[in-house]
């Protein structure tokens, strides 16, 4: 699945209004935000979870199911508006998240 485009656009507009000089570059940032959000994908496969992203360079992160130690779900105010959420996946032996799935529509089922 893809992350929600609405979240990225609202964040961009809010940041542009708060920081006035960014309002000038909004026409240039808007296509970049749309394309980069559309290029981000989440895959749940038989053996694990995979995330791919990137416009100019494609990157990929995979986490196997047997390595997952904890999965956190969160839903902020903007996520509630668009009915999506965030899933943070941690594996054993690490102190920082290995995979963060932002603006995921099916975050509860995940």
C-alpha atoms as a PDB file:
ATOM      1  CA  UNK A   1       0.000   0.000   0.000  1.00  0.00           C
ATOM      2  CA  UNK A   2       0.960   3.645  -0.231  1.00  0.00           C
ATOM      3  CA  UNK A   3       1.076   6.330   2.438  1.00  0.00           C
ATOM      4  CA  UNK A   4      -1.679   8.924   2.412  1.00  0.00           C
ATOM      5  CA  UNK A   5      -0.907  11.882   0.172  1.00  0.00           C
ATOM      6  CA  UNK A   6      -3.203  14.204   2.130  1.00  0.00           C
ATOM      7  CA  UNK A   7      -0.970  14.116   5.204  1.00  0.00           C
ATOM      8  CA  UNK A   8       2.108  15.168   3.233  1.00  0.00           C
ATOM      9  CA  UNK A   9       0.270  17.995   1.477  1.00  0.00           C
ATOM     10  CA  UNK A  10      -1.222  19.410   4.691  1.00  0.00           C
ATOM     11  CA  UNK A  11       2.212  19.312   6.370  1.00  0.00           C
ATOM     12  CA  UNK A  12       3.770  21.132   3.400  1.00  0.00           C
ATOM     13  CA  UNK A  13       1.097  23.851   3.335  1.00  0.00           C
ATOM     14  CA  UNK A  14       1.245  24.345   7.120  1.00  0.00           C
ATOM     15  CA  UNK A  15       5.036  24.651   7.045  1.00  0.00           C
ATOM     16  CA  UNK A  16       4.865  27.083   4.124  1.00  0.00           C
ATOM     17  CA  UNK A  17       2.378  29.317   5.930  1.00  0.00           C
ATOM     18  CA  UNK A  18       4.304  29.277   9.230  1.00  0.00           C
ATOM     19  CA  UNK A  19       7.659  30.012   7.603  1.00  0.00           C
ATOM     20  CA  UNK A  20       6.885  32.773   5.088  1.00  0.00           C
ATOM     21  CA  UNK A  21       9.996  32.369   2.864  1.00  0.00           C
ATOM     22  CA  UNK A  22       8.933  28.792   2.160  1.00  0.00           C
ATOM     23  CA  UNK A  23       5.739  30.124   0.609  1.00  0.00           C
ATOM     24  CA  UNK A  24       7.826  31.382  -2.302  1.00  0.00           C
ATOM     25  CA  UNK A  25       9.259  27.913  -3.024  1.00  0.00           C
ATOM     26  CA  UNK A  26       5.918  26.133  -2.539  1.00  0.00           C
ATOM     27  CA  UNK A  27       5.306  25.733  -6.294  1.00  0.00           C
ATOM     28  CA  UNK A  28       8.641  23.920  -6.565  1.00  0.00           C
ATOM     29  CA  UNK A  29       8.210  21.778  -3.438  1.00  0.00           C
ATOM     30  CA  UNK A  30       4.645  20.697  -4.192  1.00  0.00           C
ATOM     31  CA  UNK A  31       5.468  18.402  -7.148  1.00  0.00           C
ATOM     32  CA  UNK A  32       8.412  16.914  -5.251  1.00  0.00           C
ATOM     33  CA  UNK A  33       6.236  16.059  -2.218  1.00  0.00           C
ATOM     34  CA  UNK A  34       3.568  14.491  -4.424  1.00  0.00           C
ATOM     35  CA  UNK A  35       6.036  12.374  -6.410  1.00  0.00           C
ATOM     36  CA  UNK A  36       8.062  11.261  -3.382  1.00  0.00           C
ATOM     37  CA  UNK A  37       4.907  10.273  -1.484  1.00  0.00           C
ATOM     38  CA  UNK A  38       3.610   8.316  -4.464  1.00  0.00           C
ATOM     39  CA  UNK A  39       6.932   6.459  -4.836  1.00  0.00           C
ATOM     40  CA  UNK A  40       6.890   5.187  -1.226  1.00  0.00           C
ATOM     41  CA  UNK A  41       5.422   1.666  -0.940  1.00  0.00           C
ATOM     42  CA  UNK A  42       4.831  -0.810   1.881  1.00  0.00           C
ATOM     43  CA  UNK A  43       4.664  -4.556   1.229  1.00  0.00           C
ATOM     44  CA  UNK A  44       3.633  -7.322   3.616  1.00  0.00           C
ATOM     45  CA  UNK A  45       5.066 -10.541   2.214  1.00  0.00           C
ATOM     46  CA  UNK A  46       5.121 -14.160   3.376  1.00  0.00           C
ATOM     47  CA  UNK A  47       8.366 -13.780   5.311  1.00  0.00           C
ATOM     48  CA  UNK A  48       8.339 -10.133   6.401  1.00  0.00           C
ATOM     49  CA  UNK A  49       7.645  -6.468   5.772  1.00  0.00           C
ATOM     50  CA  UNK A  50       9.352  -4.409   3.077  1.00  0.00           C
ATOM     51  CA  UNK A  51       9.380  -0.662   2.414  1.00  0.00           C
ATOM     52  CA  UNK A  52      10.668   0.997  -0.776  1.00  0.00           C
ATOM     53  CA  UNK A  53      11.074   4.729  -1.359  1.00  0.00           C
ATOM     54  CA  UNK A  54      12.991   7.270  -3.384  1.00  0.00           C
ATOM     55  CA  UNK A  55      12.608   9.363  -6.517  1.00  0.00           C
ATOM     56  CA  UNK A  56      16.097   9.631  -7.959  1.00  0.00           C
ATOM     57  CA  UNK A  57      17.541   6.645  -6.084  1.00  0.00           C
ATOM     58  CA  UNK A  58      15.383   3.722  -4.968  1.00  0.00           C
ATOM     59  CA  UNK A  59      16.012   2.353  -1.468  1.00  0.00           C
ATOM     60  CA  UNK A  60      14.571  -0.708   0.239  1.00  0.00           C
ATOM     61  CA  UNK A  61      14.371  -1.970   3.832  1.00  0.00           C
ATOM     62  CA  UNK A  62      13.150  -5.434   4.798  1.00  0.00           C
ATOM     63  CA  UNK A  63      12.357  -6.828   8.238  1.00  0.00           C
ATOM     64  CA  UNK A  64      11.648 -10.531   8.692  1.00  0.00           C
ATOM     65  CA  UNK A  65       8.664 -11.531  10.848  1.00  0.00           C
ATOM     66  CA  UNK A  66      10.758 -13.771  13.105  1.00  0.00           C
ATOM     67  CA  UNK A  67      13.063 -10.787  13.873  1.00  0.00           C
ATOM     68  CA  UNK A  68      10.231  -8.422  14.913  1.00  0.00           C
ATOM     69  CA  UNK A  69      10.246  -7.828  18.650  1.00  0.00           C
ATOM     70  CA  UNK A  70       7.710  -5.008  19.051  1.00  0.00           C
ATOM     71  CA  UNK A  71       5.289  -3.140  16.812  1.00  0.00           C
ATOM     72  CA  UNK A  72       3.812   0.162  18.004  1.00  0.00           C
ATOM     73  CA  UNK A  73       0.759   1.856  16.551  1.00  0.00           C
ATOM     74  CA  UNK A  74       0.111   5.585  16.833  1.00  0.00           C
ATOM     75  CA  UNK A  75      -2.466   7.965  15.459  1.00  0.00           C
ATOM     76  CA  UNK A  76      -1.929  11.724  15.728  1.00  0.00           C
ATOM     77  CA  UNK A  77      -4.458  14.488  15.088  1.00  0.00           C
ATOM     78  CA  UNK A  78      -3.608  14.829  11.394  1.00  0.00           C
ATOM     79  CA  UNK A  79      -3.759  11.049  11.013  1.00  0.00           C
ATOM     80  CA  UNK A  80      -7.211  10.987  12.601  1.00  0.00           C
ATOM     81  CA  UNK A  81      -8.382  13.550  10.069  1.00  0.00           C
ATOM     82  CA  UNK A  82      -7.309  11.283   7.183  1.00  0.00           C
ATOM     83  CA  UNK A  83      -8.122   7.954   8.971  1.00  0.00           C
ATOM     84  CA  UNK A  84      -4.608   6.568   8.926  1.00  0.00           C
ATOM     85  CA  UNK A  85      -1.752   6.023  11.359  1.00  0.00           C
ATOM     86  CA  UNK A  86       1.861   5.134  11.984  1.00  0.00           C
ATOM     87  CA  UNK A  87       3.350   1.712  12.675  1.00  0.00           C
ATOM     88  CA  UNK A  88       6.818   1.516  14.226  1.00  0.00           C
ATOM     89  CA  UNK A  89       8.609  -1.848  14.041  1.00  0.00           C
ATOM     90  CA  UNK A  90      11.492  -2.701  16.357  1.00  0.00           C
ATOM     91  CA  UNK A  91      13.656  -5.797  16.295  1.00  0.00           C
ATOM     92  CA  UNK A  92      15.501  -7.468  19.143  1.00  0.00           C
ATOM     93  CA  UNK A  93      18.836  -5.923  20.038  1.00  0.00           C
ATOM     94  CA  UNK A  94      18.232  -2.416  18.716  1.00  0.00           C
ATOM     95  CA  UNK A  95      17.337   0.760  20.561  1.00  0.00           C
ATOM     96  CA  UNK A  96      15.889   2.614  17.563  1.00  0.00           C
ATOM     97  CA  UNK A  97      13.127   1.623  15.156  1.00  0.00           C
ATOM     98  CA  UNK A  98      14.131  -0.521  12.208  1.00  0.00           C
ATOM     99  CA  UNK A  99      11.110   0.406  10.134  1.00  0.00           C
ATOM    100  CA  UNK A 100       8.573   3.241  10.444  1.00  0.00           C
ATOM    101  CA  UNK A 101       5.482   3.026   8.245  1.00  0.00           C
ATOM    102  CA  UNK A 102       4.008   6.541   8.159  1.00  0.00           C
ATOM    103  CA  UNK A 103       0.470   7.473   7.107  1.00  0.00           C
ATOM    104  CA  UNK A 104      -0.601   3.848   6.664  1.00  0.00           C
ATOM    105  CA  UNK A 105      -4.296   3.341   5.878  1.00  0.00           C
ATOM    106  CA  UNK A 106      -4.537  -0.173   7.356  1.00  0.00           C
ATOM    107  CA  UNK A 107      -2.432   0.519  10.439  1.00  0.00           C
ATOM    108  CA  UNK A 108      -4.804  -1.257  12.855  1.00  0.00           C
ATOM    109  CA  UNK A 109      -4.943  -4.457  10.781  1.00  0.00           C
ATOM    110  CA  UNK A 110      -1.185  -4.451  10.425  1.00  0.00           C
END
